[in-house]
Protein backbone atom coordinates (compact mmCIF):
# COMPACT_ATOMS: atom_id res chain seq x y z
CA MET A 1 57.44 213.51 34.04
CA THR A 2 53.78 213.68 33.30
CA ASP A 3 51.10 211.80 35.52
CA ILE A 4 48.22 210.81 34.01
CA HIS A 5 44.79 211.25 36.31
CA PRO A 6 43.66 207.87 37.20
CA PHE A 7 40.10 208.46 35.49
CA LEU A 8 41.82 209.19 32.31
CA SER A 9 44.29 206.44 32.50
CA PHE A 10 41.41 203.81 32.99
CA ASN A 11 39.20 205.25 30.29
CA ILE A 12 42.53 204.91 28.20
CA ALA A 13 42.53 201.35 29.16
CA VAL A 14 39.09 200.65 28.21
CA ILE A 15 39.72 202.09 24.80
CA LEU A 16 43.08 200.10 24.16
CA LEU A 17 41.04 196.94 24.85
CA LEU A 18 38.48 197.98 22.48
CA VAL A 19 41.26 198.46 20.69
CA GLY A 20 42.31 194.65 20.80
CA LYS A 21 38.99 193.32 20.40
CA ALA A 22 38.32 194.84 17.31
CA ALA A 23 41.52 193.81 15.75
CA THR A 24 41.09 190.12 17.34
CA LEU A 25 37.33 190.04 15.54
CA ARG A 26 38.54 191.27 12.36
CA SER A 27 41.87 189.46 12.14
CA PRO A 28 41.78 185.28 11.36
CA PHE A 29 45.61 185.36 12.04
CA LEU A 30 45.17 186.76 16.01
CA GLN A 31 41.89 184.40 16.21
CA ARG A 32 44.10 181.56 15.00
CA TYR A 33 46.98 181.60 17.22
CA SER A 34 45.13 182.96 20.46
CA ILE A 35 46.59 186.20 20.93
CA PRO A 36 44.87 187.81 24.15
CA GLU A 37 43.19 191.05 23.14
CA PRO A 38 44.64 193.01 25.83
CA VAL A 39 48.48 192.66 24.23
CA ILE A 40 47.61 194.56 21.19
CA GLY A 41 46.39 197.90 22.36
CA GLY A 42 48.77 197.49 25.55
CA VAL A 43 51.67 197.08 23.65
CA LEU A 44 50.78 199.52 21.51
CA CYS A 45 50.51 201.88 24.16
CA ALA A 46 53.62 201.07 26.16
CA ALA A 47 55.71 201.03 22.41
CA ALA A 48 54.67 204.93 22.17
CA VAL A 49 55.22 206.19 25.48
CA ALA A 50 58.71 204.90 25.22
CA ILE A 51 59.29 206.30 21.91
CA VAL A 52 57.93 209.79 23.11
CA ASP A 53 60.86 209.21 25.92
CA ALA A 54 63.68 208.49 23.26
CA ALA A 55 62.51 211.60 21.06
CA ALA A 56 61.94 213.87 23.22
CA GLY A 57 62.83 213.23 27.05
CA TRP A 58 59.26 213.04 28.06
CA GLN A 59 58.33 210.64 30.16
CA VAL A 60 54.55 209.55 31.09
CA ARG A 61 53.21 207.61 33.81
CA PHE A 62 50.19 206.36 34.11
CA ASN A 63 47.93 206.18 37.72
CA LEU A 64 46.64 202.81 37.80
CA ASN A 65 45.50 202.60 41.34
CA VAL A 66 42.25 200.97 40.14
CA ARG A 67 44.17 197.99 38.90
CA ASP A 68 44.35 195.99 41.40
CA PHE A 69 40.68 196.40 42.51
CA LEU A 70 40.21 194.55 38.78
CA LEU A 71 42.41 191.96 39.77
CA LEU A 72 40.42 191.25 43.29
CA LEU A 73 37.09 191.09 40.96
CA PHE A 74 38.90 188.92 38.25
CA PHE A 75 39.77 185.88 40.87
CA ALA A 76 36.72 186.40 42.59
CA GLY A 77 34.80 185.41 39.60
CA VAL A 78 37.10 182.29 38.54
CA GLY A 79 36.51 181.00 42.37
CA LEU A 80 32.50 181.56 42.04
CA ASN A 81 33.19 179.90 38.68
CA SER A 82 35.07 176.72 40.47
CA ASP A 83 33.08 173.75 40.80
CA LEU A 84 34.58 171.64 43.86
CA ALA A 85 33.76 168.37 42.24
CA THR A 86 35.82 169.30 39.04
CA LEU A 87 38.75 169.99 41.54
CA ALA A 88 38.66 166.96 43.19
CA ARG A 89 39.03 165.22 39.47
CA GLY A 90 41.39 167.48 39.04
CA GLY A 91 43.75 166.50 41.90
CA LYS A 92 46.24 164.21 40.88
CA PRO A 93 47.12 166.89 37.53
CA LEU A 94 47.17 169.71 40.28
CA VAL A 95 50.09 168.08 41.87
CA ILE A 96 51.96 166.74 38.47
CA LEU A 97 51.50 170.57 37.45
CA LEU A 98 52.99 172.13 40.76
CA GLY A 99 55.77 169.58 40.14
CA LEU A 100 56.55 170.81 36.95
CA ALA A 101 56.55 174.40 37.88
CA THR A 102 58.65 173.79 41.01
CA GLY A 103 61.29 171.61 38.70
CA PHE A 104 61.44 174.44 36.02
CA ILE A 105 61.82 177.22 38.50
CA VAL A 106 65.03 175.59 39.37
CA ALA A 107 66.20 175.41 36.18
CA GLN A 108 65.01 179.07 35.57
CA ASN A 109 67.49 180.10 38.49
CA PHE A 110 70.67 178.16 37.10
CA LEU A 111 70.09 179.16 33.58
CA GLY A 112 70.17 182.86 34.92
CA ILE A 113 73.05 182.19 37.25
CA SER A 114 74.88 180.56 34.62
CA VAL A 115 74.51 183.54 32.19
CA ALA A 116 75.10 186.12 35.04
CA ALA A 117 78.55 184.27 35.56
CA LEU A 118 79.38 184.36 31.73
CA PHE A 119 79.13 188.18 31.67
CA GLY A 120 81.07 188.67 34.58
CA LEU A 121 78.27 189.49 36.99
CA GLU A 122 77.87 188.43 40.57
CA PRO A 123 76.48 185.43 39.48
CA LEU A 124 73.71 185.71 42.18
CA ALA A 125 72.53 188.41 39.83
CA GLY A 126 71.22 186.00 37.23
CA LEU A 127 68.24 184.92 40.01
CA MET A 128 66.96 188.43 39.43
CA ALA A 129 66.31 187.57 35.48
CA GLY A 130 65.02 183.68 36.92
CA SER A 131 62.25 183.23 39.40
CA VAL A 132 62.32 186.38 41.29
CA SER A 133 60.89 188.17 38.40
CA LEU A 134 59.37 185.60 35.79
CA THR A 135 57.76 183.56 38.00
CA GLY A 136 57.55 185.82 40.87
CA GLY A 137 56.60 188.88 39.06
CA VAL A 138 56.66 192.56 40.29
CA GLY A 139 55.43 191.95 43.67
CA THR A 140 58.26 189.26 44.21
CA THR A 141 60.55 191.60 42.43
CA ALA A 142 60.22 194.38 44.82
CA ALA A 143 60.22 192.38 47.65
CA TRP A 144 63.42 190.34 46.97
CA ALA A 145 65.72 193.56 45.12
CA PRO A 146 66.68 195.13 48.29
CA ILE A 147 68.01 192.44 49.89
CA PHE A 148 69.82 191.34 46.41
CA THR A 149 71.14 195.15 47.18
CA GLU A 150 72.10 195.53 50.51
CA GLN A 151 73.23 191.97 51.63
CA LEU A 152 74.46 190.56 48.53
CA GLY A 153 76.16 193.88 47.01
CA ILE A 154 74.18 193.74 43.66
CA ALA A 155 73.36 197.41 43.22
CA ASN A 156 71.14 197.08 40.18
CA ALA A 157 69.21 194.35 41.60
CA MET A 158 65.75 196.03 41.15
CA GLU A 159 66.81 197.40 37.61
CA LEU A 160 67.60 194.22 36.32
CA GLY A 161 64.56 192.40 37.93
CA VAL A 162 62.18 194.78 36.52
CA ALA A 163 63.16 194.90 32.92
CA SER A 164 63.14 191.13 33.13
CA ASN A 165 59.41 191.64 33.89
CA MET A 166 58.66 193.36 31.68
CA ILE A 167 60.48 191.33 28.90
CA GLY A 168 58.87 188.24 30.14
CA LEU A 169 55.59 189.83 30.93
CA ILE A 170 55.40 190.61 27.09
CA ALA A 171 56.37 187.06 26.03
CA ALA A 172 54.21 185.28 28.02
CA CYS A 173 51.20 187.22 26.43
CA VAL A 174 52.49 186.19 23.30
CA ILE A 175 53.52 182.59 23.07
CA GLY A 176 50.63 181.04 24.83
CA GLY A 177 48.23 180.88 22.12
CA PRO A 178 51.00 179.81 19.18
CA ILE A 179 52.01 176.99 21.31
CA ALA A 180 48.37 175.45 21.56
CA ALA A 181 47.96 176.32 18.23
CA TRP A 182 51.05 174.22 17.43
CA LEU A 183 50.23 171.40 19.65
CA MET A 184 46.43 171.00 18.69
CA ARG A 185 47.63 170.96 14.83
CA HIS A 186 50.68 168.79 15.41
CA HIS A 187 48.81 166.18 17.69
CA ARG A 188 45.45 166.71 15.45
CA ILE A 189 43.61 167.27 18.90
CA ARG A 190 39.99 168.40 18.48
CA PRO A 191 38.50 171.27 19.94
CA SER A 192 36.32 170.92 22.69
CA ARG A 193 33.56 173.13 20.67
CA ASP A 194 32.07 173.64 24.48
CA HIS A 195 31.01 177.34 24.22
CA ASP A 196 30.13 177.39 27.99
CA LEU A 197 33.16 178.91 28.72
CA ASP A 198 34.81 179.67 32.36
CA MET A 199 35.79 182.94 31.67
CA GLY A 200 34.73 185.15 28.29
CA ILE A 201 32.29 184.68 25.35
CA ALA A 202 33.66 182.19 22.66
CA HIS A 203 34.45 183.83 19.04
CA ALA A 204 31.49 181.35 17.83
CA ALA A 205 28.91 181.88 20.21
CA GLN A 206 25.68 184.00 19.65
CA ALA A 207 25.17 186.81 22.00
CA ALA A 208 24.96 186.34 25.81
CA ARG A 209 21.98 185.36 27.52
CA LEU A 210 22.40 188.08 29.79
CA ASP A 211 19.17 190.43 31.09
CA TYR A 212 19.14 193.35 33.55
CA ILE A 213 18.67 191.41 36.53
CA GLY A 214 21.36 188.75 36.03
CA LEU A 215 23.92 191.28 35.23
CA LEU A 216 23.11 192.94 38.96
CA TRP A 217 22.92 189.88 40.55
CA ALA A 218 26.17 189.25 38.86
CA ILE A 219 27.48 192.46 40.00
CA LEU A 220 26.37 191.90 43.68
CA THR A 221 28.02 188.81 43.94
CA LEU A 222 31.35 189.51 42.46
CA ASN A 223 31.28 192.29 45.06
CA VAL A 224 30.28 190.28 47.91
CA THR A 225 33.08 187.99 47.11
CA VAL A 226 35.61 190.69 46.97
CA MET A 227 34.29 191.97 50.63
CA VAL A 228 34.36 188.18 51.90
CA GLY A 229 37.99 187.47 50.40
CA ILE A 230 39.36 190.79 52.21
CA GLY A 231 38.01 189.61 55.52
CA VAL A 232 39.61 186.42 54.58
CA ASP A 233 42.90 188.42 53.90
CA ALA A 234 42.47 189.77 57.31
CA LEU A 235 42.21 186.84 59.22
CA VAL A 236 45.09 185.31 57.70
CA SER A 237 47.46 188.11 58.28
CA LEU A 238 46.31 187.63 61.81
CA SER A 239 48.22 184.28 61.68
CA GLY A 240 51.14 185.49 60.63
CA LEU A 241 51.03 184.28 56.82
CA THR A 242 51.61 186.48 54.22
CA LEU A 243 49.36 185.73 50.75
CA PRO A 244 48.27 187.85 48.48
CA THR A 245 44.80 189.27 48.55
CA PHE A 246 43.79 187.69 45.52
CA VAL A 247 44.48 184.34 46.56
CA SER A 248 41.96 185.28 49.42
CA CYS A 249 39.50 186.59 47.04
CA LEU A 250 39.89 183.29 45.02
CA ILE A 251 39.24 181.25 47.94
CA ALA A 252 36.42 182.98 49.07
CA GLY A 253 34.63 182.51 45.78
CA ILE A 254 35.16 178.81 45.64
CA ALA A 255 33.58 179.04 49.09
CA LEU A 256 30.59 181.29 48.27
CA ARG A 257 30.30 178.91 44.81
CA ASN A 258 30.32 175.39 46.83
CA PHE A 259 28.84 176.07 49.97
CA VAL A 260 26.57 179.04 49.55
CA GLY A 261 25.51 178.44 46.17
CA ARG A 262 22.43 178.39 46.42
CA LEU A 263 22.09 181.50 47.06
CA LEU A 264 22.69 182.27 43.43
CA ALA A 265 19.48 180.15 42.25
CA VAL A 266 17.20 182.97 41.39
CA ASN A 267 14.07 182.29 39.30
CA GLY A 268 15.44 178.74 39.19
CA PRO A 269 17.93 176.86 36.82
CA ARG A 270 17.73 180.03 34.41
CA GLY A 271 18.48 182.39 36.81
CA ARG A 272 21.57 180.79 37.72
CA GLU A 273 22.69 180.31 34.08
CA ASN A 274 22.17 184.20 33.37
CA ILE A 275 24.14 184.91 36.69
CA ASP A 276 26.93 182.92 35.28
CA GLN A 277 27.00 184.63 32.63
CA GLY A 278 27.11 187.51 34.16
CA LEU A 279 29.91 186.80 36.07
CA SER A 280 31.64 185.15 33.09
CA LEU A 281 31.55 188.50 31.43
CA LEU A 282 32.50 190.73 34.28
CA SER A 283 35.54 188.67 35.17
CA ASP A 284 36.64 188.58 31.76
CA LEU A 285 36.37 192.36 31.13
CA ALA A 286 38.12 192.76 34.61
CA LEU A 287 41.03 190.63 33.33
CA GLY A 288 41.42 192.49 30.20
CA LEU A 289 41.83 195.65 31.77
CA PHE A 290 43.93 194.47 34.51
CA LEU A 291 46.50 193.01 31.76
CA THR A 292 45.90 196.02 29.50
CA MET A 293 46.82 198.31 32.41
CA THR A 294 49.68 196.73 33.02
CA LEU A 295 50.99 196.42 29.72
CA MET A 296 50.44 200.37 28.69
CA GLY A 297 51.78 201.04 32.20
CA LEU A 298 55.47 199.57 30.87
CA GLN A 299 58.26 201.69 31.37
CA LEU A 300 60.41 200.36 28.67
CA TRP A 301 63.03 203.00 28.88
CA GLN A 302 64.31 200.78 31.83
CA LEU A 303 65.70 198.24 29.62
CA SER A 304 68.54 200.37 28.73
CA GLY A 305 71.05 200.07 32.09
CA ALA A 306 72.16 195.94 31.43
CA PHE A 307 70.26 195.32 27.80
CA VAL A 308 72.94 192.62 26.22
CA PHE A 309 72.84 190.74 29.22
CA ILE A 310 69.17 190.83 29.72
CA ALA A 311 68.34 190.46 26.09
CA VAL A 312 70.51 187.22 26.07
CA VAL A 313 69.11 185.66 29.03
CA LEU A 314 65.39 186.31 28.07
CA VAL A 315 65.98 184.63 25.06
CA LEU A 316 66.77 181.44 26.71
CA GLN A 317 64.61 181.97 29.55
CA ILE A 318 61.43 182.23 26.76
CA GLY A 319 63.28 179.51 24.55
CA MET A 320 63.46 176.89 27.59
CA THR A 321 59.96 178.01 28.59
CA VAL A 322 58.07 177.11 24.84
CA LEU A 323 60.40 173.76 24.80
CA PHE A 324 58.97 172.64 28.55
CA ALA A 325 55.49 173.62 27.89
CA MET A 326 55.36 171.91 24.19
CA PHE A 327 57.50 168.49 25.02
CA VAL A 328 56.98 168.31 28.71
CA VAL A 329 53.92 170.01 30.08
CA PHE A 330 51.76 168.83 27.25
CA ARG A 331 52.67 165.17 27.60
CA ALA A 332 52.58 165.12 31.43
CA MET A 333 49.50 166.39 31.62
CA GLY A 334 47.69 164.18 29.57
CA GLY A 335 47.91 165.27 26.03
CA ASP A 336 45.01 166.13 25.22
CA TYR A 337 42.81 169.13 24.79
CA GLU A 338 42.85 170.09 28.03
CA ALA A 339 46.46 169.81 28.06
CA ALA A 340 46.86 171.77 25.27
CA VAL A 341 45.21 174.62 27.36
CA ILE A 342 46.95 174.35 30.37
CA SER A 343 50.82 174.78 28.23
CA ALA A 344 49.33 177.38 26.82
CA GLY A 345 48.86 179.20 30.51
CA PHE A 346 52.11 177.88 31.53
CA GLY A 347 54.03 180.38 29.92
CA GLY A 348 52.30 182.97 32.35
CA ILE A 349 52.81 180.65 35.25
CA THR A 350 56.54 181.19 34.54
CA LEU A 351 57.31 184.24 32.83
CA GLY A 352 54.37 186.74 33.41
CA SER A 353 51.63 186.07 36.07
CA THR A 354 48.73 184.29 36.83
CA ALA A 355 46.26 186.96 35.08
CA THR A 356 48.86 186.51 32.34
CA ALA A 357 48.19 182.50 32.40
CA ILE A 358 44.34 182.89 32.55
CA ALA A 359 43.98 185.44 29.60
CA ASN A 360 46.41 183.15 27.32
CA MET A 361 43.81 180.17 28.25
CA THR A 362 40.62 182.62 27.94
CA ALA A 363 42.14 183.64 24.12
CA VAL A 364 42.37 179.46 23.43
CA THR A 365 39.16 178.45 25.00
CA GLN A 366 37.24 181.48 23.24
CA GLN A 367 39.01 179.70 19.70
CA TYR A 368 38.66 176.23 20.44
CA GLY A 369 36.15 175.94 23.16
CA ALA A 370 35.75 175.28 26.99
CA ALA A 371 38.60 173.74 29.24
CA HIS A 372 37.13 173.47 32.93
CA LYS A 373 39.58 171.61 34.49
CA ALA A 374 42.40 173.95 33.16
CA PHE A 375 40.33 176.91 34.89
CA ILE A 376 40.46 175.09 38.09
CA ILE A 377 44.29 173.81 38.34
CA VAL A 378 46.05 176.58 36.55
CA PRO A 379 44.62 179.23 38.93
CA ILE A 380 45.30 177.51 42.55
CA VAL A 381 48.90 176.45 41.14
CA CYS A 382 49.95 179.79 40.26
CA GLY A 383 48.03 181.99 42.34
CA PHE A 384 48.91 179.98 45.51
CA PHE A 385 51.34 177.16 45.59
CA ILE A 386 53.93 178.60 43.04
CA ASP A 387 54.52 181.62 45.45
CA ILE A 388 55.23 179.52 48.25
CA VAL A 389 57.34 176.96 46.50
CA ASN A 390 59.17 180.01 44.54
CA ALA A 391 60.25 181.76 47.73
CA LEU A 392 61.51 178.72 49.29
CA ILE A 393 63.71 178.00 46.21
CA ILE A 394 64.97 181.85 45.95
CA ALA A 395 66.04 181.46 49.74
CA THR A 396 67.83 178.60 49.31
CA PHE A 397 69.91 179.93 46.30
CA THR A 398 70.59 182.68 48.15
CA SER A 399 71.66 181.18 51.17
């Protein structure tokens, strides 16, 4: 096995993201179906590494330590772009989306258990191909796998979870854009055409209104927010409550934006606009590099252990996600453009990660215009509430 140095791994991710960006700008197909830019280079890299392993037995492992910091930067930026007034208006949809996600987690687990039983496996092994790995992600998989192995006697729990998470993550990146495109075409929804995006720059927009001072202020603001978020995380841990650090950075960003927001008003409204552009660009870069590094680091050769079971259960899980997003989530969230964007992100909530959900929504809004309420509701639901709900549901199933 060859370990790639962290600095080289980071620069490979930059190159892969550039490849994805260039491909998206030159491909009407990729733009039409809002395929996230990190998916293209990241998946190609993971596939190339898997082919090298299969052909020559040479395993390549990227050192991705910087990836966790990129996630903190991204969520700090999401928080800094969050307006409590918009959140208050989105209170009811937030509760509805949480309810939908909760119901879907239960359905995910019943499906996983049923397929595992059909394959003659221990039924609870199906949870590792359910909400443990799909809604929960790698962190939840790593936390629950030892319990499944030691207390439930499922020896290959970790392998099942990791393999399911890999397929789910890739699928989540691919299905979001086509879901939004189909909903908009089928229901004749007009794009918002609001280029003041919460994340990234619209494909049709002109160059960002950004200068030297604005970029410096944006960098400083993001870094200060991350430092405050790490402090919040330390305080939360003292209370005995365990939350992902990125949630603390999200909370810190919301607090700084809404309660200390005047500190950002440099050189009047024009200065604030300039800083917001910098925050949007830096957050988009952090998300793109994080997702690229996540995808390029997938060890696809781990799928070989229980390939048939994983393939069958994941096809069913992905199909259920697509149908649920198009025919349940879309209608429950209002049946408008915001609902289409949220539906695009729903696959990230239930198959990939919070970052995947935001990447899908970013790709859609870059093509069709801003959806401000979606960028408030989805990060809070899948970055905060859903982890708590998922843990309670998994504990209920295992008991």
